[in-house]
Amino acid sequence: MVSRFSCVSMRVARSVWASVRSSASDRSGQTIAASHQGAPVIRTADLGRVVWLAKADASNALRETEFAFPRTGRGARVMADPAALRGGLAKLMSLSADSMSNRPHRRMGLRISSAPGRVVLELRDEGPGLSVRDLAAMYGSDGPGLSEARRRIERAGGVINVSSHTGAGTVYIIEFPVAG
């Protein structure tokens, strides 16, 4: 549950993100484009910054969602393709928010933690959960949605695992190697 995280929580409003550009520069001055074409470019990426850019990309879907993102881990540096990761995270955030559209209280939480040699990003929603069919489709080779998000995250250099129970929400756990 989002409430168990010690975090900063905010209701995302459309006006907050109206001024966010579709691309932004990271600390090295390179642009992190909103979409990714060509071969992946694995490099050091600031995971917290990529998360906020992905959140901006998913702002329409998140406009009625309470989003919690703890301060801990925001400066984590990983080896990843930031553009592909941004697209994959934005897709997961949008899908999670859409799955909660019929719920009176829509909550989503994101946490970044460290493990030996890797950084773990956990995205948790309080939606209806995924069915066995949805989980199987995530690992299929065709179609939009979950399978597209999984492909983008894997292209970025990450490994994704999903835990879901019908009626209890979904947890996406994404791991990346630590930038050395």
N, C-alpha and C. Protein backbone atom coordinates (compact mmCIF):
# COMPACT_ATOMS: atom_id res chain seq x y z
N MET A 1 0.83 -1.17 0.00
CA MET A 1 0.00 0.00 0.00
C MET A 1 0.88 1.24 0.00
N VAL A 2 0.42 2.25 -0.65
CA VAL A 2 1.17 3.50 -0.75
C VAL A 2 1.36 4.13 0.62
N SER A 3 0.37 4.01 1.49
CA SER A 3 0.41 4.69 2.77
C SER A 3 1.53 4.21 3.68
N ARG A 4 2.11 3.02 3.44
CA ARG A 4 3.17 2.55 4.31
C ARG A 4 4.52 3.16 3.98
N PHE A 5 4.66 3.80 2.85
CA PHE A 5 5.89 4.47 2.50
C PHE A 5 5.97 5.81 3.23
N SER A 6 7.16 6.17 3.71
CA SER A 6 7.31 7.54 4.20
C SER A 6 7.67 8.36 2.97
N CYS A 7 6.77 9.16 2.51
CA CYS A 7 6.94 9.78 1.21
C CYS A 7 6.25 11.11 1.10
N VAL A 8 6.57 11.76 0.03
CA VAL A 8 5.88 12.99 -0.33
C VAL A 8 4.74 12.57 -1.24
N SER A 9 3.53 12.97 -0.95
CA SER A 9 2.38 12.57 -1.73
C SER A 9 1.73 13.81 -2.31
N MET A 10 1.28 13.68 -3.53
CA MET A 10 0.62 14.82 -4.15
C MET A 10 -0.43 14.37 -5.13
N ARG A 11 -1.43 15.17 -5.29
CA ARG A 11 -2.43 14.92 -6.32
C ARG A 11 -1.95 15.64 -7.56
N VAL A 12 -1.83 14.89 -8.64
CA VAL A 12 -1.31 15.45 -9.87
C VAL A 12 -2.43 16.16 -10.60
N ALA A 13 -2.22 17.40 -10.90
CA ALA A 13 -3.20 18.20 -11.65
C ALA A 13 -2.65 18.50 -13.03
N ARG A 14 -3.51 18.61 -13.97
CA ARG A 14 -3.10 18.88 -15.35
C ARG A 14 -2.25 20.15 -15.45
N SER A 15 -2.61 21.18 -14.70
CA SER A 15 -1.90 22.45 -14.79
C SER A 15 -0.47 22.37 -14.28
N VAL A 16 -0.20 21.45 -13.34
CA VAL A 16 1.16 21.31 -12.82
C VAL A 16 2.11 20.90 -13.92
N TRP A 17 1.64 20.04 -14.80
CA TRP A 17 2.53 19.51 -15.83
C TRP A 17 2.41 20.23 -17.16
N ALA A 18 1.57 21.23 -17.25
CA ALA A 18 1.38 21.93 -18.53
C ALA A 18 2.66 22.56 -19.03
N SER A 19 3.53 22.97 -18.11
CA SER A 19 4.75 23.64 -18.53
C SER A 19 5.93 22.68 -18.74
N VAL A 20 5.73 21.38 -18.46
CA VAL A 20 6.81 20.42 -18.62
C VAL A 20 7.02 20.12 -20.10
N ARG A 21 8.25 20.26 -20.56
CA ARG A 21 8.55 20.00 -21.96
C ARG A 21 8.53 18.51 -22.25
N SER A 22 8.38 18.15 -23.52
CA SER A 22 8.35 16.73 -23.89
C SER A 22 9.73 16.11 -23.86
N SER A 23 10.77 16.91 -23.77
CA SER A 23 12.11 16.37 -23.55
C SER A 23 12.84 17.30 -22.60
N ALA A 24 13.83 16.76 -21.93
CA ALA A 24 14.60 17.56 -20.98
C ALA A 24 16.03 17.06 -20.97
N SER A 25 16.94 17.87 -20.52
CA SER A 25 18.34 17.48 -20.48
C SER A 25 18.68 16.89 -19.13
N ASP A 26 19.52 15.86 -19.13
CA ASP A 26 20.00 15.34 -17.87
C ASP A 26 21.25 16.13 -17.48
N ARG A 27 21.91 15.75 -16.41
CA ARG A 27 23.04 16.54 -15.91
C ARG A 27 24.20 16.60 -16.87
N SER A 28 24.35 15.63 -17.75
CA SER A 28 25.46 15.66 -18.71
C SER A 28 25.14 16.54 -19.91
N GLY A 29 23.95 17.10 -19.96
CA GLY A 29 23.57 17.98 -21.05
C GLY A 29 22.98 17.26 -22.24
N GLN A 30 22.88 15.93 -22.19
CA GLN A 30 22.29 15.18 -23.29
C GLN A 30 20.78 15.17 -23.13
N THR A 31 20.08 15.20 -24.25
CA THR A 31 18.63 15.23 -24.21
C THR A 31 18.08 13.83 -24.02
N ILE A 32 17.10 13.72 -23.15
CA ILE A 32 16.37 12.46 -22.97
C ILE A 32 15.08 12.62 -23.73
N ALA A 33 15.01 12.07 -24.92
CA ALA A 33 13.83 12.23 -25.78
C ALA A 33 12.67 11.43 -25.24
N ALA A 34 11.46 11.89 -25.55
CA ALA A 34 10.25 11.22 -25.08
C ALA A 34 10.03 9.89 -25.78
N SER A 35 10.51 9.74 -27.00
CA SER A 35 10.38 8.46 -27.70
C SER A 35 11.77 8.00 -28.10
N HIS A 36 11.90 6.72 -28.37
CA HIS A 36 13.22 6.16 -28.63
C HIS A 36 13.23 5.43 -29.97
N GLN A 37 14.17 5.73 -30.80
CA GLN A 37 14.35 5.07 -32.09
C GLN A 37 15.77 4.52 -32.17
N GLY A 38 15.97 3.44 -32.92
CA GLY A 38 17.31 2.91 -33.13
C GLY A 38 17.77 2.04 -31.99
N ALA A 39 19.09 1.77 -31.98
CA ALA A 39 19.70 0.90 -30.98
C ALA A 39 19.69 1.57 -29.60
N PRO A 40 19.57 0.77 -28.54
CA PRO A 40 19.61 1.35 -27.20
C PRO A 40 20.97 1.98 -26.92
N VAL A 41 20.96 3.05 -26.14
CA VAL A 41 22.18 3.73 -25.75
C VAL A 41 22.28 3.60 -24.23
N ILE A 42 22.99 2.57 -23.78
CA ILE A 42 23.14 2.32 -22.35
C ILE A 42 24.23 3.24 -21.82
N ARG A 43 23.87 4.02 -20.81
CA ARG A 43 24.81 4.96 -20.20
C ARG A 43 24.35 5.24 -18.78
N THR A 44 25.14 6.00 -18.04
CA THR A 44 24.75 6.37 -16.69
C THR A 44 23.52 7.27 -16.76
N ALA A 45 22.51 6.94 -15.97
CA ALA A 45 21.27 7.72 -15.96
C ALA A 45 20.84 7.97 -14.52
N ASP A 46 20.32 9.15 -14.26
CA ASP A 46 19.76 9.52 -12.96
C ASP A 46 18.33 8.98 -12.92
N LEU A 47 18.12 7.90 -12.18
CA LEU A 47 16.83 7.22 -12.18
C LEU A 47 15.69 8.11 -11.68
N GLY A 48 15.93 8.91 -10.64
CA GLY A 48 14.90 9.80 -10.13
C GLY A 48 14.45 10.81 -11.17
N ARG A 49 15.39 11.35 -11.94
CA ARG A 49 15.04 12.31 -12.98
C ARG A 49 14.23 11.64 -14.09
N VAL A 50 14.64 10.45 -14.49
CA VAL A 50 13.90 9.72 -15.53
C VAL A 50 12.48 9.43 -15.06
N VAL A 51 12.33 9.08 -13.78
CA VAL A 51 10.98 8.82 -13.23
C VAL A 51 10.11 10.06 -13.34
N TRP A 52 10.63 11.24 -12.95
CA TRP A 52 9.83 12.46 -13.02
C TRP A 52 9.48 12.83 -14.46
N LEU A 53 10.39 12.59 -15.40
CA LEU A 53 10.08 12.86 -16.80
C LEU A 53 9.01 11.90 -17.31
N ALA A 54 9.09 10.63 -16.91
CA ALA A 54 8.07 9.65 -17.30
C ALA A 54 6.72 10.04 -16.69
N LYS A 55 6.74 10.52 -15.47
CA LYS A 55 5.51 10.96 -14.81
C LYS A 55 4.88 12.12 -15.58
N ALA A 56 5.71 13.03 -16.06
CA ALA A 56 5.20 14.15 -16.87
C ALA A 56 4.59 13.63 -18.16
N ASP A 57 5.22 12.64 -18.78
CA ASP A 57 4.69 12.06 -20.01
C ASP A 57 3.33 11.40 -19.78
N ALA A 58 3.13 10.83 -18.59
CA ALA A 58 1.89 10.12 -18.27
C ALA A 58 0.89 11.02 -17.55
N SER A 59 1.11 12.33 -17.58
CA SER A 59 0.32 13.25 -16.76
C SER A 59 -1.18 13.21 -17.06
N ASN A 60 -1.59 13.01 -18.30
CA ASN A 60 -3.03 12.94 -18.59
C ASN A 60 -3.68 11.77 -17.86
N ALA A 61 -3.02 10.62 -17.88
CA ALA A 61 -3.58 9.44 -17.20
C ALA A 61 -3.53 9.60 -15.69
N LEU A 62 -2.54 10.34 -15.18
CA LEU A 62 -2.34 10.47 -13.74
C LEU A 62 -3.09 11.64 -13.11
N ARG A 63 -3.85 12.39 -13.89
CA ARG A 63 -4.42 13.64 -13.39
C ARG A 63 -5.31 13.48 -12.16
N GLU A 64 -5.92 12.36 -11.95
CA GLU A 64 -6.78 12.15 -10.78
C GLU A 64 -6.17 11.12 -9.82
N THR A 65 -4.88 10.88 -9.95
CA THR A 65 -4.21 9.84 -9.17
C THR A 65 -3.29 10.46 -8.13
N GLU A 66 -3.39 9.96 -6.91
CA GLU A 66 -2.45 10.36 -5.86
C GLU A 66 -1.17 9.57 -6.10
N PHE A 67 -0.08 10.27 -6.27
CA PHE A 67 1.20 9.63 -6.62
C PHE A 67 2.20 9.87 -5.50
N ALA A 68 2.73 8.83 -4.93
CA ALA A 68 3.70 8.93 -3.84
C ALA A 68 5.07 8.50 -4.34
N PHE A 69 6.06 9.34 -4.08
CA PHE A 69 7.44 9.05 -4.50
C PHE A 69 8.37 9.49 -3.38
N PRO A 70 8.87 8.54 -2.58
CA PRO A 70 9.72 8.91 -1.44
C PRO A 70 10.99 9.62 -1.88
N ARG A 71 11.52 10.42 -1.00
CA ARG A 71 12.77 11.13 -1.30
C ARG A 71 13.96 10.18 -1.37
N THR A 72 13.91 9.11 -0.59
CA THR A 72 15.00 8.15 -0.56
C THR A 72 15.22 7.52 -1.93
N GLY A 73 16.45 7.52 -2.40
CA GLY A 73 16.80 6.86 -3.66
C GLY A 73 16.63 7.69 -4.90
N ARG A 74 16.16 8.92 -4.78
CA ARG A 74 15.91 9.73 -5.97
C ARG A 74 17.17 10.03 -6.77
N GLY A 75 18.33 10.05 -6.14
CA GLY A 75 19.58 10.35 -6.85
C GLY A 75 20.29 9.11 -7.36
N ALA A 76 19.64 7.97 -7.36
CA ALA A 76 20.27 6.71 -7.78
C ALA A 76 20.74 6.80 -9.23
N ARG A 77 21.96 6.34 -9.47
CA ARG A 77 22.54 6.34 -10.81
C ARG A 77 22.59 4.88 -11.28
N VAL A 78 22.03 4.64 -12.46
CA VAL A 78 21.97 3.29 -13.02
C VAL A 78 22.55 3.28 -14.43
N MET A 79 22.88 2.09 -14.89
CA MET A 79 23.29 1.90 -16.28
C MET A 79 22.03 1.52 -17.05
N ALA A 80 21.57 2.43 -17.91
CA ALA A 80 20.32 2.21 -18.64
C ALA A 80 20.26 3.14 -19.84
N ASP A 81 19.33 2.85 -20.72
CA ASP A 81 19.01 3.77 -21.81
C ASP A 81 17.89 4.65 -21.27
N PRO A 82 18.18 5.92 -20.96
CA PRO A 82 17.16 6.76 -20.32
C PRO A 82 15.91 6.98 -21.16
N ALA A 83 16.05 7.08 -22.47
CA ALA A 83 14.88 7.32 -23.32
C ALA A 83 13.95 6.11 -23.33
N ALA A 84 14.51 4.92 -23.46
CA ALA A 84 13.69 3.71 -23.46
C ALA A 84 13.06 3.50 -22.08
N LEU A 85 13.82 3.76 -21.03
CA LEU A 85 13.29 3.63 -19.66
C LEU A 85 12.16 4.61 -19.43
N ARG A 86 12.34 5.84 -19.87
CA ARG A 86 11.30 6.86 -19.72
C ARG A 86 10.01 6.41 -20.39
N GLY A 87 10.11 5.89 -21.61
CA GLY A 87 8.92 5.42 -22.33
C GLY A 87 8.26 4.25 -21.64
N GLY A 88 9.05 3.30 -21.14
CA GLY A 88 8.50 2.13 -20.46
C GLY A 88 7.81 2.49 -19.16
N LEU A 89 8.44 3.38 -18.38
CA LEU A 89 7.82 3.80 -17.11
C LEU A 89 6.55 4.60 -17.35
N ALA A 90 6.58 5.49 -18.33
CA ALA A 90 5.38 6.28 -18.64
C ALA A 90 4.24 5.36 -19.04
N LYS A 91 4.55 4.32 -19.82
CA LYS A 91 3.52 3.36 -20.23
C LYS A 91 2.95 2.62 -19.02
N LEU A 92 3.83 2.14 -18.13
CA LEU A 92 3.35 1.43 -16.93
C LEU A 92 2.51 2.34 -16.05
N MET A 93 2.95 3.59 -15.87
CA MET A 93 2.18 4.53 -15.05
C MET A 93 0.80 4.78 -15.65
N SER A 94 0.75 4.96 -16.96
CA SER A 94 -0.53 5.20 -17.64
C SER A 94 -1.45 3.99 -17.52
N LEU A 95 -0.91 2.81 -17.74
CA LEU A 95 -1.71 1.59 -17.64
C LEU A 95 -2.24 1.39 -16.22
N SER A 96 -1.39 1.64 -15.22
CA SER A 96 -1.82 1.50 -13.83
C SER A 96 -2.92 2.50 -13.50
N ALA A 97 -2.73 3.75 -13.91
CA ALA A 97 -3.76 4.78 -13.65
C ALA A 97 -5.06 4.43 -14.35
N ASP A 98 -4.98 3.97 -15.59
CA ASP A 98 -6.19 3.58 -16.33
C ASP A 98 -6.92 2.42 -15.65
N SER A 99 -6.16 1.50 -15.07
CA SER A 99 -6.79 0.34 -14.42
C SER A 99 -7.58 0.75 -13.18
N MET A 100 -7.25 1.92 -12.63
CA MET A 100 -7.93 2.39 -11.43
C MET A 100 -9.04 3.41 -11.73
N SER A 101 -9.37 3.58 -12.99
CA SER A 101 -10.30 4.65 -13.38
C SER A 101 -11.68 4.54 -12.74
N ASN A 102 -12.11 3.35 -12.35
CA ASN A 102 -13.43 3.18 -11.73
C ASN A 102 -13.38 3.23 -10.21
N ARG A 103 -12.23 3.51 -9.66
CA ARG A 103 -12.08 3.53 -8.21
C ARG A 103 -12.19 4.96 -7.68
N PRO A 104 -12.82 5.14 -6.52
CA PRO A 104 -12.96 6.50 -6.00
C PRO A 104 -11.63 7.11 -5.56
N HIS A 105 -10.73 6.29 -5.03
CA HIS A 105 -9.42 6.76 -4.60
C HIS A 105 -8.36 6.02 -5.41
N ARG A 106 -7.65 6.77 -6.22
CA ARG A 106 -6.61 6.16 -7.05
C ARG A 106 -5.25 6.51 -6.48
N ARG A 107 -4.53 5.49 -6.07
CA ARG A 107 -3.21 5.71 -5.48
C ARG A 107 -2.16 4.85 -6.18
N MET A 108 -1.00 5.47 -6.34
CA MET A 108 0.13 4.78 -6.94
C MET A 108 1.37 5.22 -6.18
N GLY A 109 2.26 4.30 -5.92
CA GLY A 109 3.49 4.62 -5.20
C GLY A 109 4.70 4.10 -5.95
N LEU A 110 5.79 4.81 -5.81
CA LEU A 110 7.02 4.41 -6.44
C LEU A 110 8.13 4.54 -5.41
N ARG A 111 8.99 3.53 -5.34
CA ARG A 111 10.08 3.53 -4.38
C ARG A 111 11.33 3.04 -5.08
N ILE A 112 12.45 3.67 -4.77
CA ILE A 112 13.75 3.27 -5.30
C ILE A 112 14.60 2.81 -4.13
N SER A 113 15.19 1.63 -4.25
CA SER A 113 16.06 1.11 -3.19
C SER A 113 17.29 0.48 -3.82
N SER A 114 18.26 0.17 -2.97
CA SER A 114 19.52 -0.42 -3.44
C SER A 114 19.62 -1.86 -2.98
N ALA A 115 20.27 -2.65 -3.80
CA ALA A 115 20.62 -4.02 -3.46
C ALA A 115 22.04 -4.20 -3.99
N PRO A 116 22.77 -5.21 -3.57
CA PRO A 116 24.15 -5.36 -4.02
C PRO A 116 24.26 -5.38 -5.56
N GLY A 117 24.94 -4.36 -6.10
CA GLY A 117 25.19 -4.29 -7.53
C GLY A 117 24.02 -3.83 -8.39
N ARG A 118 22.91 -3.51 -7.76
CA ARG A 118 21.76 -3.10 -8.57
C ARG A 118 20.88 -2.10 -7.81
N VAL A 119 20.04 -1.42 -8.58
CA VAL A 119 19.05 -0.50 -8.03
C VAL A 119 17.68 -1.07 -8.38
N VAL A 120 16.79 -1.06 -7.41
CA VAL A 120 15.46 -1.63 -7.58
C VAL A 120 14.41 -0.51 -7.54
N LEU A 121 13.59 -0.47 -8.56
CA LEU A 121 12.48 0.48 -8.64
C LEU A 121 11.20 -0.32 -8.49
N GLU A 122 10.37 0.07 -7.53
CA GLU A 122 9.10 -0.62 -7.30
C GLU A 122 7.95 0.34 -7.56
N LEU A 123 7.10 -0.01 -8.50
CA LEU A 123 5.90 0.77 -8.82
C LEU A 123 4.71 -0.06 -8.37
N ARG A 124 3.91 0.53 -7.48
CA ARG A 124 2.80 -0.19 -6.88
C ARG A 124 1.52 0.60 -7.10
N ASP A 125 0.45 -0.09 -7.53
CA ASP A 125 -0.84 0.59 -7.65
C ASP A 125 -1.88 -0.13 -6.81
N GLU A 126 -2.99 0.55 -6.57
CA GLU A 126 -4.10 -0.02 -5.80
C GLU A 126 -5.27 -0.33 -6.73
N GLY A 127 -4.94 -0.75 -7.94
CA GLY A 127 -5.96 -1.07 -8.92
C GLY A 127 -6.56 -2.44 -8.69
N PRO A 128 -7.31 -2.93 -9.68
CA PRO A 128 -8.01 -4.21 -9.54
C PRO A 128 -7.09 -5.43 -9.65
N GLY A 129 -5.82 -5.22 -9.98
CA GLY A 129 -4.91 -6.34 -10.17
C GLY A 129 -4.99 -6.85 -11.59
N LEU A 130 -4.05 -7.70 -11.94
CA LEU A 130 -3.98 -8.27 -13.29
C LEU A 130 -4.46 -9.72 -13.27
N SER A 131 -5.19 -10.07 -14.30
CA SER A 131 -5.62 -11.45 -14.44
C SER A 131 -4.46 -12.29 -14.98
N VAL A 132 -4.61 -13.59 -14.93
CA VAL A 132 -3.60 -14.49 -15.49
C VAL A 132 -3.42 -14.19 -16.98
N ARG A 133 -4.52 -13.90 -17.66
CA ARG A 133 -4.46 -13.57 -19.10
C ARG A 133 -3.64 -12.30 -19.35
N ASP A 134 -3.85 -11.26 -18.51
CA ASP A 134 -3.09 -10.02 -18.64
C ASP A 134 -1.60 -10.26 -18.41
N LEU A 135 -1.28 -11.04 -17.37
CA LEU A 135 0.13 -11.35 -17.10
C LEU A 135 0.76 -12.12 -18.23
N ALA A 136 0.02 -13.07 -18.81
CA ALA A 136 0.54 -13.83 -19.95
C ALA A 136 0.76 -12.92 -21.15
N ALA A 137 -0.16 -11.98 -21.35
CA ALA A 137 -0.03 -11.04 -22.48
C ALA A 137 1.19 -10.15 -22.32
N MET A 138 1.57 -9.85 -21.08
CA MET A 138 2.73 -9.00 -20.85
C MET A 138 3.99 -9.62 -21.43
N TYR A 139 4.05 -10.93 -21.42
CA TYR A 139 5.23 -11.62 -21.92
C TYR A 139 5.05 -12.13 -23.34
N GLY A 140 3.94 -11.74 -23.99
CA GLY A 140 3.72 -12.05 -25.39
C GLY A 140 4.58 -11.16 -26.27
N SER A 141 4.61 -11.45 -27.54
CA SER A 141 5.49 -10.70 -28.44
C SER A 141 4.78 -9.57 -29.16
N ASP A 142 3.47 -9.54 -29.14
CA ASP A 142 2.74 -8.54 -29.91
C ASP A 142 1.88 -7.67 -29.02
N GLY A 143 1.47 -6.55 -29.59
CA GLY A 143 0.45 -5.74 -28.97
C GLY A 143 0.95 -4.62 -28.09
N PRO A 144 0.07 -3.65 -27.89
CA PRO A 144 0.40 -2.52 -27.02
C PRO A 144 0.19 -2.89 -25.57
N GLY A 145 0.35 -1.95 -24.70
CA GLY A 145 0.06 -2.17 -23.30
C GLY A 145 1.22 -2.76 -22.54
N LEU A 146 0.92 -3.76 -21.73
CA LEU A 146 1.93 -4.33 -20.85
C LEU A 146 3.13 -4.90 -21.60
N SER A 147 2.89 -5.58 -22.72
CA SER A 147 4.02 -6.15 -23.45
C SER A 147 4.92 -5.05 -24.01
N GLU A 148 4.33 -3.95 -24.44
CA GLU A 148 5.13 -2.82 -24.95
C GLU A 148 5.95 -2.21 -23.81
N ALA A 149 5.37 -2.03 -22.65
CA ALA A 149 6.09 -1.48 -21.50
C ALA A 149 7.25 -2.40 -21.12
N ARG A 150 7.00 -3.71 -21.09
CA ARG A 150 8.05 -4.67 -20.75
C ARG A 150 9.19 -4.61 -21.76
N ARG A 151 8.86 -4.55 -23.05
CA ARG A 151 9.91 -4.47 -24.08
C ARG A 151 10.75 -3.20 -23.93
N ARG A 152 10.11 -2.09 -23.65
CA ARG A 152 10.85 -0.83 -23.49
C ARG A 152 11.78 -0.89 -22.28
N ILE A 153 11.32 -1.45 -21.19
CA ILE A 153 12.16 -1.54 -19.99
C ILE A 153 13.32 -2.50 -20.22
N GLU A 154 13.07 -3.62 -20.87
CA GLU A 154 14.16 -4.54 -21.19
C GLU A 154 15.14 -3.92 -22.17
N ARG A 155 14.64 -3.15 -23.11
CA ARG A 155 15.50 -2.45 -24.07
C ARG A 155 16.39 -1.43 -23.35
N ALA A 156 15.85 -0.86 -22.28
CA ALA A 156 16.60 0.13 -21.49
C ALA A 156 17.69 -0.53 -20.65
N GLY A 157 17.68 -1.86 -20.56
CA GLY A 157 18.68 -2.57 -19.78
C GLY A 157 18.15 -3.09 -18.46
N GLY A 158 16.85 -2.99 -18.24
CA GLY A 158 16.25 -3.42 -16.98
C GLY A 158 15.66 -4.81 -17.05
N VAL A 159 15.37 -5.34 -15.89
CA VAL A 159 14.67 -6.62 -15.75
C VAL A 159 13.41 -6.32 -14.96
N ILE A 160 12.26 -6.78 -15.45
CA ILE A 160 10.99 -6.48 -14.78
C ILE A 160 10.32 -7.76 -14.30
N ASN A 161 9.80 -7.69 -13.08
CA ASN A 161 8.99 -8.76 -12.50
C ASN A 161 7.68 -8.15 -12.04
N VAL A 162 6.62 -8.94 -12.12
CA VAL A 162 5.29 -8.43 -11.77
C VAL A 162 4.66 -9.35 -10.73
N SER A 163 4.05 -8.73 -9.73
CA SER A 163 3.29 -9.46 -8.74
C SER A 163 1.91 -8.83 -8.69
N SER A 164 0.88 -9.64 -8.86
CA SER A 164 -0.47 -9.09 -8.88
C SER A 164 -1.46 -10.10 -8.33
N HIS A 165 -2.43 -9.58 -7.62
CA HIS A 165 -3.53 -10.38 -7.11
C HIS A 165 -4.82 -9.66 -7.46
N THR A 166 -5.75 -10.37 -8.07
CA THR A 166 -7.01 -9.76 -8.45
C THR A 166 -7.67 -9.12 -7.24
N GLY A 167 -8.00 -7.84 -7.38
CA GLY A 167 -8.63 -7.08 -6.31
C GLY A 167 -7.66 -6.42 -5.35
N ALA A 168 -6.37 -6.71 -5.48
CA ALA A 168 -5.40 -6.18 -4.50
C ALA A 168 -4.31 -5.33 -5.13
N GLY A 169 -4.38 -5.02 -6.40
CA GLY A 169 -3.38 -4.17 -7.02
C GLY A 169 -2.23 -4.95 -7.64
N THR A 170 -1.30 -4.18 -8.20
CA THR A 170 -0.17 -4.76 -8.92
C THR A 170 1.12 -4.09 -8.46
N VAL A 171 2.19 -4.88 -8.39
CA VAL A 171 3.51 -4.36 -8.07
C VAL A 171 4.44 -4.74 -9.21
N TYR A 172 5.07 -3.71 -9.80
CA TYR A 172 6.08 -3.91 -10.84
C TYR A 172 7.43 -3.67 -10.19
N ILE A 173 8.33 -4.64 -10.26
CA ILE A 173 9.67 -4.50 -9.69
C ILE A 173 10.66 -4.52 -10.85
N ILE A 174 11.39 -3.41 -10.98
CA ILE A 174 12.32 -3.24 -12.10
C ILE A 174 13.71 -3.07 -11.53
N GLU A 175 14.67 -3.85 -12.04
CA GLU A 175 16.04 -3.80 -11.54
C GLU A 175 16.99 -3.36 -12.63
N PHE A 176 17.97 -2.53 -12.25
CA PHE A 176 19.02 -2.05 -13.14
C PHE A 176 20.37 -2.19 -12.47
N PRO A 177 21.43 -2.39 -13.25
CA PRO A 177 22.77 -2.40 -12.65
C PRO A 177 23.13 -0.99 -12.16
N VAL A 178 23.85 -0.93 -11.03
CA VAL A 178 24.31 0.34 -10.50
C VAL A 178 25.37 0.90 -11.43
N ALA A 179 25.32 2.21 -11.68
CA ALA A 179 26.36 2.86 -12.48
C ALA A 179 27.62 2.95 -11.62
N GLY A 180 28.73 2.50 -12.17
CA GLY A 180 29.97 2.49 -11.39
C GLY A 180 30.86 3.54 -11.79
